[in-house]
Amino acid sequence: MRIAINCLKLDRAYFVGGVSTYARGLLEGFANIGNGHQFRLYATSANQGLFESLRCSKNFEIIVLDERTQSLRKIICRSALLSFSEKVYESTSNLVFRAIRELMDRDADIVYTPCTFLQYFDSRKPTVLSMHDIQHVHYPELFKWPRRLSRRITYGLSARHARFFQASSEFSKRDFLRHFRCISAEQIVVIPEGVRVEEFAAPMDTTSLCSRYGIPERFLLFPAQLWLHKNHMTLLQTLKQIESRRGLQIPLVLTGGKYSAASKVLGYIADQSMNYVHYLGTVPFTDLVGLYQKAAFLVMPSLHESNSLPVLEAAAAGTPVIASRIPPNEELARVLHLNLFDPLNQEELEALLLQLWEDEPATVAQAMHNRKLITLYSWDSAAKQYLQLFERVVQASEARGD
């Protein structure tokens, strides 16, 4: 089977987070277990560095397209959005991406896009899309109007034109079906996200980590880009509440790039003199793994996720998890031991933090439980499920004579 993978939209700025982490893990899973299949990965001159580890794989070919022409196509498509018309945007995208569509279609049996929406909508080959989430439907106030417009049009067109969809959780599947009436349940396959277990589980020397970053030996870890939906403020306000009521300062380490919530988050830390909160920005991957292994807990208070890669990464690293009680985390909690809380309830989070911060025996047992079961979420296991999906799609297409 010849599989084209459209990674032209992957942003190199997200090297250690979000969709890029997801895509890189899955692609490495394909490289490990995809013998007998040929993968043609389409990248740009700007983001090709994300895929260096795949260049030595015999079943992968990386096709690099000029970033300048790709940027021009994006500008034209953004201009088409201002028509507020799905038909205009669809026609424009199909026109400017025609050469790329023909290139991908020519040497593939199926086209897979791991990057939330399709770039063009007239593929002659069956398509599979990982839409990930439709956060803009639930929290439109977190997006400026151009982004809301872009999501409404591109996601709507993608829902109508992709042949099949991968959802990372049963919640995401239900969400897609509820908001896109053009999609049937048979078109959506639930395949949970994965984790590179061997990388996060391998013991690391973390002796110099704390001194290099100027952080304490025991701390909470929250690795997330500073987006509003990550809900940093609930965690920060709860820690301040604990300090005011108990005189206890629980150290927190934040990692991730500065985005829409940055000024609010960093401003609050400064205004409240929370010198026990350490914002490290974006850190190298090896240091991030070390922080996972060193942390007393991972804390993930997100308001909305399709699934939670940091939860899986913490489980692989042997770190106990405190996470928001949202549907994807509740699904993971059927297998893993997670400490869940209402993401907007500071009292509940405070009680949980105080309880677990002092109860190391319980947290050690949780970590051991999770380390035993995390292999169920390896990227190799996820890749096998994807390949089974691709095979079914191709066989059905051939049977119809497409």
Protein backbone atom coordinates (compact mmCIF):
# COMPACT_ATOMS: atom_id res chain seq x y z
CA MET A 1 0.00 0.00 0.00
CA ARG A 2 1.31 3.44 -0.95
CA ILE A 3 0.40 6.09 1.64
CA ALA A 4 0.81 9.83 1.06
CA ILE A 5 1.05 11.84 4.29
CA ASN A 6 0.34 15.56 4.03
CA CYS A 7 2.45 17.34 6.68
CA LEU A 8 2.68 20.68 4.88
CA LYS A 9 0.74 22.46 7.62
CA LEU A 10 2.80 21.20 10.57
CA ASP A 11 4.33 24.15 12.39
CA ARG A 12 7.99 23.76 13.37
CA ALA A 13 7.28 26.07 16.35
CA TYR A 14 5.37 23.21 17.99
CA PHE A 15 8.31 20.81 17.98
CA VAL A 16 7.65 19.64 21.56
CA GLY A 17 3.90 20.03 21.73
CA GLY A 18 0.50 19.66 20.13
CA VAL A 19 -0.09 18.22 16.71
CA SER A 20 3.63 18.02 15.87
CA THR A 21 4.30 15.69 18.81
CA TYR A 22 1.32 13.62 17.74
CA ALA A 23 2.39 13.42 14.10
CA ARG A 24 6.03 12.63 14.84
CA GLY A 25 5.10 9.83 17.23
CA LEU A 26 2.66 8.27 14.78
CA LEU A 27 5.11 8.54 11.86
CA GLU A 28 7.81 6.82 13.88
CA GLY A 29 5.27 4.11 14.66
CA PHE A 30 4.70 3.70 10.92
CA ALA A 31 8.46 3.43 10.39
CA ASN A 32 8.71 0.72 13.06
CA ILE A 33 5.83 -1.54 12.04
CA GLY A 34 4.92 -0.49 8.50
CA ASN A 35 7.02 -3.04 6.59
CA GLY A 36 5.42 -3.82 3.27
CA HIS A 37 3.95 -0.33 2.98
CA GLN A 38 5.52 2.70 1.33
CA PHE A 39 5.11 6.12 2.92
CA ARG A 40 5.60 9.37 0.99
CA LEU A 41 5.75 12.24 3.46
CA TYR A 42 5.22 15.75 2.10
CA ALA A 43 6.99 18.49 4.09
CA THR A 44 8.15 22.06 3.53
CA SER A 45 11.68 23.40 3.58
CA ALA A 46 10.77 25.06 6.89
CA ASN A 47 9.39 22.06 8.80
CA GLN A 48 11.40 19.19 7.30
CA GLY A 49 13.60 19.15 10.41
CA LEU A 50 10.71 17.60 12.31
CA PHE A 51 11.22 14.41 10.32
CA GLU A 52 15.00 13.89 10.43
CA SER A 53 14.66 10.59 12.29
CA LEU A 54 12.64 9.15 9.36
CA ARG A 55 15.21 9.80 6.64
CA CYS A 56 17.03 6.55 7.34
CA SER A 57 13.82 4.50 7.27
CA LYS A 58 13.62 2.29 4.17
CA ASN A 59 9.85 2.61 3.87
CA PHE A 60 9.79 6.44 4.05
CA GLU A 61 10.44 8.96 1.33
CA ILE A 62 10.37 12.64 2.30
CA ILE A 63 9.35 15.07 -0.44
CA VAL A 64 10.27 18.66 0.43
CA LEU A 65 8.27 21.44 -1.24
CA ASP A 66 9.37 25.06 -1.50
CA GLU A 67 8.22 27.02 1.56
CA ARG A 68 7.89 30.22 -0.49
CA THR A 69 5.27 28.81 -2.86
CA GLN A 70 3.51 27.16 0.07
CA SER A 71 3.34 30.52 1.86
CA LEU A 72 1.89 32.16 -1.26
CA ARG A 73 -0.85 29.53 -1.45
CA LYS A 74 -1.71 30.18 2.21
CA ILE A 75 -1.98 33.92 1.58
CA ILE A 76 -4.33 33.36 -1.37
CA CYS A 77 -6.49 30.99 0.70
CA ARG A 78 -6.63 33.44 3.62
CA SER A 79 -7.81 36.11 1.20
CA ALA A 80 -10.54 33.75 -0.02
CA LEU A 81 -11.80 33.43 3.56
CA LEU A 82 -12.79 37.09 3.47
CA SER A 83 -15.52 36.18 1.00
CA PHE A 84 -17.23 34.39 3.93
CA SER A 85 -18.20 31.76 1.36
CA GLU A 86 -17.39 28.07 1.60
CA LYS A 87 -17.82 27.71 -2.15
CA VAL A 88 -15.32 30.47 -2.91
CA TYR A 89 -12.81 29.07 -0.43
CA GLU A 90 -13.25 25.53 -1.77
CA SER A 91 -12.73 26.59 -5.39
CA THR A 92 -9.72 28.73 -4.48
CA SER A 93 -8.04 25.99 -2.44
CA ASN A 94 -8.62 23.38 -5.13
CA LEU A 95 -7.11 25.72 -7.70
CA VAL A 96 -3.97 26.82 -5.84
CA PHE A 97 -3.21 23.32 -4.51
CA ARG A 98 -3.98 21.51 -7.79
CA ALA A 99 -0.34 20.69 -8.54
CA ILE A 100 0.20 19.34 -5.02
CA ARG A 101 -3.02 17.33 -5.18
CA GLU A 102 -1.95 15.78 -8.48
CA LEU A 103 1.49 15.01 -7.04
CA MET A 104 0.06 13.24 -3.99
CA ASP A 105 -2.66 11.41 -5.92
CA ARG A 106 -0.27 10.15 -8.61
CA ASP A 107 1.86 7.94 -6.38
CA ALA A 108 -0.54 6.97 -3.59
CA ASP A 109 -3.39 4.59 -2.84
CA ILE A 110 -4.58 6.76 0.04
CA VAL A 111 -3.87 10.26 1.38
CA TYR A 112 -3.65 10.83 5.14
CA THR A 113 -3.67 14.31 6.75
CA PRO A 114 -2.69 14.46 10.45
CA CYS A 115 -3.17 18.25 10.69
CA THR A 116 -6.81 19.06 11.61
CA PHE A 117 -8.22 20.04 8.19
CA LEU A 118 -7.74 19.39 4.49
CA GLN A 119 -5.80 21.84 2.33
CA TYR A 120 -7.78 20.94 -0.80
CA PHE A 121 -11.08 19.18 -1.25
CA ASP A 122 -10.96 17.36 -4.60
CA SER A 123 -8.59 14.46 -4.03
CA ARG A 124 -9.08 11.61 -6.48
CA LYS A 125 -7.82 9.15 -3.88
CA PRO A 126 -9.53 8.16 -0.62
CA THR A 127 -8.64 10.49 2.24
CA VAL A 128 -8.31 10.02 6.00
CA LEU A 129 -8.18 13.05 8.31
CA SER A 130 -7.25 13.53 11.96
CA MET A 131 -9.35 16.58 12.87
CA HIS A 132 -8.29 16.32 16.55
CA ASP A 133 -10.88 18.66 18.10
CA ILE A 134 -13.46 21.34 17.39
CA GLN A 135 -12.63 23.55 20.34
CA HIS A 136 -13.90 26.66 18.51
CA VAL A 137 -17.44 25.28 18.73
CA HIS A 138 -17.30 25.00 22.52
CA TYR A 139 -15.15 28.02 23.36
CA PRO A 140 -15.54 30.54 20.52
CA GLU A 141 -14.55 33.34 22.90
CA LEU A 142 -11.00 31.94 22.99
CA PHE A 143 -10.52 32.70 19.28
CA LYS A 144 -10.32 36.01 17.45
CA TRP A 145 -12.89 36.37 14.67
CA PRO A 146 -10.49 35.60 11.75
CA ARG A 147 -9.55 32.32 13.41
CA ARG A 148 -13.19 31.45 14.10
CA LEU A 149 -14.03 32.16 10.47
CA SER A 150 -11.13 30.06 9.24
CA ARG A 151 -12.09 27.13 11.43
CA ARG A 152 -15.76 27.29 10.53
CA ILE A 153 -15.07 27.17 6.80
CA THR A 154 -12.08 24.80 6.67
CA TYR A 155 -13.44 22.31 9.19
CA GLY A 156 -16.88 22.32 7.56
CA LEU A 157 -15.43 21.63 4.11
CA SER A 158 -13.12 18.95 5.52
CA ALA A 159 -16.06 17.23 7.20
CA ARG A 160 -17.85 17.01 3.85
CA HIS A 161 -14.92 15.90 1.72
CA ALA A 162 -12.73 13.56 3.82
CA ARG A 163 -13.63 9.91 3.32
CA PHE A 164 -12.80 8.77 6.87
CA PHE A 165 -11.82 10.39 10.16
CA GLN A 166 -9.64 9.35 13.08
CA ALA A 167 -10.84 10.50 16.52
CA SER A 168 -8.58 10.30 19.57
CA SER A 169 -11.42 9.54 21.99
CA GLU A 170 -15.04 8.46 22.06
CA PHE A 171 -15.84 11.98 23.20
CA SER A 172 -14.31 13.43 20.02
CA LYS A 173 -16.27 10.99 17.88
CA ARG A 174 -19.55 12.01 19.51
CA ASP A 175 -18.55 15.65 19.18
CA PHE A 176 -17.89 15.35 15.44
CA LEU A 177 -21.18 13.54 14.87
CA ARG A 178 -23.11 16.14 16.86
CA HIS A 179 -21.74 19.13 14.97
CA PHE A 180 -21.19 17.71 11.46
CA ARG A 181 -24.39 16.08 10.28
CA CYS A 182 -22.72 15.17 6.99
CA ILE A 183 -20.50 12.61 8.76
CA SER A 184 -21.79 9.15 9.65
CA ALA A 185 -20.64 7.07 12.62
CA GLU A 186 -19.15 4.52 10.19
CA GLN A 187 -16.77 7.18 8.88
CA ILE A 188 -15.11 7.80 12.26
CA VAL A 189 -12.65 5.37 13.82
CA VAL A 190 -11.46 5.94 17.40
CA ILE A 191 -7.72 5.43 17.76
CA PRO A 192 -6.25 6.86 20.97
CA GLU A 193 -3.10 8.93 20.83
CA GLY A 194 0.17 7.31 21.80
CA VAL A 195 3.41 7.92 23.62
CA ARG A 196 7.02 7.01 22.96
CA VAL A 197 7.19 4.83 26.04
CA GLU A 198 10.86 3.93 25.73
CA GLU A 199 11.94 7.58 25.63
CA PHE A 200 9.95 8.68 28.67
CA ALA A 201 10.54 5.51 30.70
CA ALA A 202 14.33 5.25 30.22
CA PRO A 203 16.05 6.45 33.43
CA MET A 204 17.77 9.79 32.98
CA ASP A 205 20.41 11.59 35.01
CA THR A 206 18.46 14.56 36.35
CA THR A 207 21.03 15.66 38.94
CA SER A 208 21.95 18.88 37.12
CA LEU A 209 18.45 19.69 35.86
CA CYS A 210 17.30 21.69 38.89
CA SER A 211 20.49 23.72 39.19
CA ARG A 212 20.56 24.52 35.46
CA TYR A 213 17.00 25.84 35.48
CA GLY A 214 17.04 27.25 39.02
CA ILE A 215 14.11 25.15 40.19
CA PRO A 216 13.56 23.24 43.47
CA GLU A 217 14.02 19.51 43.88
CA ARG A 218 10.28 18.85 44.31
CA PHE A 219 7.70 20.54 42.13
CA LEU A 220 4.50 20.27 40.12
CA LEU A 221 4.91 20.23 36.34
CA PHE A 222 2.53 21.77 33.80
CA PRO A 223 3.93 21.43 30.25
CA ALA A 224 1.64 23.32 27.86
CA GLN A 225 1.73 26.18 25.41
CA LEU A 226 0.31 29.33 27.02
CA TRP A 227 -3.12 29.09 25.38
CA LEU A 228 -6.28 30.19 27.16
CA HIS A 229 -7.95 26.78 27.00
CA LYS A 230 -5.05 25.23 28.90
CA ASN A 231 -6.52 26.98 31.95
CA HIS A 232 -3.30 28.07 33.66
CA MET A 233 -5.19 30.62 35.74
CA THR A 234 -7.22 28.09 37.73
CA LEU A 235 -4.02 26.34 38.78
CA LEU A 236 -2.20 29.58 39.61
CA GLN A 237 -5.11 31.00 41.60
CA THR A 238 -5.44 27.74 43.51
CA LEU A 239 -1.74 27.74 44.44
CA LYS A 240 -2.07 31.35 45.60
CA GLN A 241 -5.12 30.36 47.63
CA ILE A 242 -3.13 27.59 49.29
CA GLU A 243 -0.35 30.05 50.10
CA SER A 244 -2.81 32.57 51.61
CA ARG A 245 -4.74 30.02 53.66
CA ARG A 246 -2.01 27.59 54.68
CA GLY A 247 1.24 29.48 54.29
CA LEU A 248 2.36 26.67 51.98
CA GLN A 249 4.10 27.46 48.73
CA ILE A 250 3.91 24.48 46.37
CA PRO A 251 6.50 24.96 43.59
CA LEU A 252 5.24 24.84 40.01
CA VAL A 253 7.25 24.53 36.80
CA LEU A 254 5.66 25.74 33.56
CA THR A 255 6.99 24.98 30.09
CA GLY A 256 5.69 25.98 26.66
CA GLY A 257 5.67 28.86 24.20
CA LYS A 258 4.00 32.23 24.71
CA TYR A 259 0.60 32.42 23.06
CA SER A 260 -2.81 33.98 23.76
CA ALA A 261 -2.72 33.49 27.55
CA ALA A 262 0.90 34.57 28.05
CA SER A 263 0.36 38.13 29.23
CA LYS A 264 -2.39 37.11 31.65
CA VAL A 265 -0.46 34.15 33.07
CA LEU A 266 2.92 35.83 33.41
CA GLY A 267 1.33 39.06 34.62
CA TYR A 268 -0.48 37.21 37.42
CA ILE A 269 2.68 35.44 38.53
CA ALA A 270 4.52 38.77 38.75
CA ASP A 271 1.65 40.72 40.38
CA GLN A 272 1.14 38.06 43.05
CA SER A 273 4.89 37.70 43.76
CA MET A 274 4.71 33.96 43.11
CA ASN A 275 8.45 33.35 43.02
CA TYR A 276 7.77 29.65 43.55
CA VAL A 277 6.30 29.46 40.02
CA HIS A 278 9.03 28.96 37.42
CA TYR A 279 8.26 29.60 33.75
CA LEU A 280 10.98 27.98 31.60
CA GLY A 281 9.55 28.65 28.15
CA THR A 282 10.20 26.03 25.48
CA VAL A 283 12.82 23.51 26.62
CA PRO A 284 14.77 20.84 24.70
CA PHE A 285 13.02 17.48 24.46
CA THR A 286 15.60 15.66 26.61
CA ASP A 287 15.18 18.26 29.37
CA LEU A 288 11.39 17.96 29.11
CA VAL A 289 11.67 14.20 29.67
CA GLY A 290 13.91 14.88 32.66
CA LEU A 291 11.36 17.31 34.09
CA TYR A 292 8.63 14.68 33.73
CA GLN A 293 10.73 12.14 35.60
CA LYS A 294 11.76 14.60 38.29
CA ALA A 295 8.32 16.12 38.94
CA ALA A 296 6.27 15.11 41.97
CA PHE A 297 3.11 15.40 39.84
CA LEU A 298 1.93 16.37 36.41
CA VAL A 299 -0.96 18.84 36.64
CA MET A 300 -3.19 19.30 33.55
CA PRO A 301 -6.16 21.63 34.24
CA SER A 302 -7.22 22.01 30.58
CA LEU A 303 -10.76 23.04 29.76
CA HIS A 304 -10.85 21.15 26.47
CA GLU A 305 -8.72 18.46 24.79
CA SER A 306 -9.27 15.73 22.23
CA ASN A 307 -6.94 13.57 24.29
CA SER A 308 -4.01 14.42 26.52
CA LEU A 309 -0.50 13.56 25.36
CA PRO A 310 1.08 14.96 28.57
CA VAL A 311 -1.01 12.55 30.66
CA LEU A 312 0.35 9.62 28.66
CA GLU A 313 3.89 11.00 28.78
CA ALA A 314 3.71 11.40 32.57
CA ALA A 315 2.40 7.86 32.96
CA ALA A 316 5.32 6.55 30.89
CA ALA A 317 7.77 8.62 32.96
CA GLY A 318 6.41 7.21 36.22
CA THR A 319 4.91 10.51 37.36
CA PRO A 320 1.50 10.66 39.09
CA VAL A 321 -1.17 12.72 37.33
CA ILE A 322 -3.64 15.38 38.46
CA ALA A 323 -5.93 16.30 35.57
CA SER A 324 -9.19 18.04 34.76
CA ARG A 325 -12.36 15.98 34.75
CA ILE A 326 -13.11 16.32 31.05
CA PRO A 327 -14.41 13.43 28.90
CA PRO A 328 -11.08 12.38 27.27
CA ASN A 329 -9.36 12.22 30.67
CA GLU A 330 -12.28 10.26 32.09
CA GLU A 331 -11.81 7.75 29.26
CA LEU A 332 -8.10 7.42 30.06
CA ALA A 333 -8.97 7.02 33.76
CA ARG A 334 -10.73 3.74 32.93
CA VAL A 335 -7.25 2.29 32.41
CA LEU A 336 -4.80 4.63 34.12
CA HIS A 337 -4.95 5.93 37.69
CA LEU A 338 -5.64 9.65 37.36
CA ASN A 339 -6.64 12.15 40.04
CA LEU A 340 -9.43 14.16 38.40
CA PHE A 341 -11.03 17.47 39.37
CA ASP A 342 -13.53 19.97 37.99
CA PRO A 343 -11.31 22.33 35.94
CA LEU A 344 -13.12 25.42 37.25
CA ASN A 345 -13.42 24.34 40.90
CA GLN A 346 -10.51 25.79 42.86
CA GLU A 347 -11.73 24.29 46.14
CA GLU A 348 -11.70 20.78 44.71
CA LEU A 349 -8.25 21.28 43.21
CA GLU A 350 -6.92 22.73 46.47
CA ALA A 351 -8.12 19.72 48.47
CA LEU A 352 -6.60 17.34 45.93
CA LEU A 353 -3.23 19.12 45.86
CA LEU A 354 -2.98 19.26 49.66
CA GLN A 355 -3.92 15.60 50.00
CA LEU A 356 -1.52 14.27 47.39
CA TRP A 357 1.41 16.58 48.15
CA GLU A 358 1.67 14.93 51.58
CA ASP A 359 0.86 11.33 50.58
CA GLU A 360 3.90 9.95 48.77
CA PRO A 361 3.06 6.21 49.32
CA ALA A 362 -0.24 6.61 47.49
CA THR A 363 1.34 8.46 44.60
CA VAL A 364 4.10 5.86 44.23
CA ALA A 365 1.43 3.15 43.90
CA GLN A 366 -0.38 5.22 41.26
CA ALA A 367 2.82 5.67 39.27
CA MET A 368 3.59 1.94 39.36
CA HIS A 369 0.08 1.10 38.17
CA ASN A 370 0.39 3.48 35.23
CA ARG A 371 3.85 2.29 34.22
CA LYS A 372 2.50 -1.26 33.90
CA LEU A 373 -0.36 -0.27 31.60
CA ILE A 374 1.12 2.54 29.51
CA THR A 375 2.35 0.13 26.81
CA LEU A 376 -1.29 -0.11 25.71
CA TYR A 377 -0.79 3.42 24.38
CA SER A 378 2.46 2.98 22.49
CA TRP A 379 2.73 4.67 19.10
CA ASP A 380 3.49 1.28 17.51
CA SER A 381 0.13 0.03 18.76
CA ALA A 382 -1.61 3.14 17.41
CA ALA A 383 0.20 2.83 14.05
CA LYS A 384 -1.09 -0.73 13.62
CA GLN A 385 -4.67 0.51 14.05
CA TYR A 386 -4.12 3.27 11.51
CA LEU A 387 -2.73 0.84 8.96
CA GLN A 388 -5.71 -1.46 9.47
CA LEU A 389 -7.98 1.53 8.82
CA PHE A 390 -6.05 2.53 5.69
CA GLU A 391 -6.24 -1.04 4.34
CA ARG A 392 -10.02 -1.16 4.86
CA VAL A 393 -10.46 2.21 3.15
CA VAL A 394 -8.36 1.23 0.14
CA GLN A 395 -10.05 -2.14 -0.22
CA ALA A 396 -13.51 -0.54 -0.06
CA SER A 397 -12.44 2.05 -2.64
CA GLU A 398 -11.15 -0.61 -5.01
CA ALA A 399 -14.33 -2.63 -4.57
CA ARG A 400 -16.37 0.42 -5.62
CA GLY A 401 -14.07 0.97 -8.58
CA ASP A 402 -12.99 4.46 -7.42
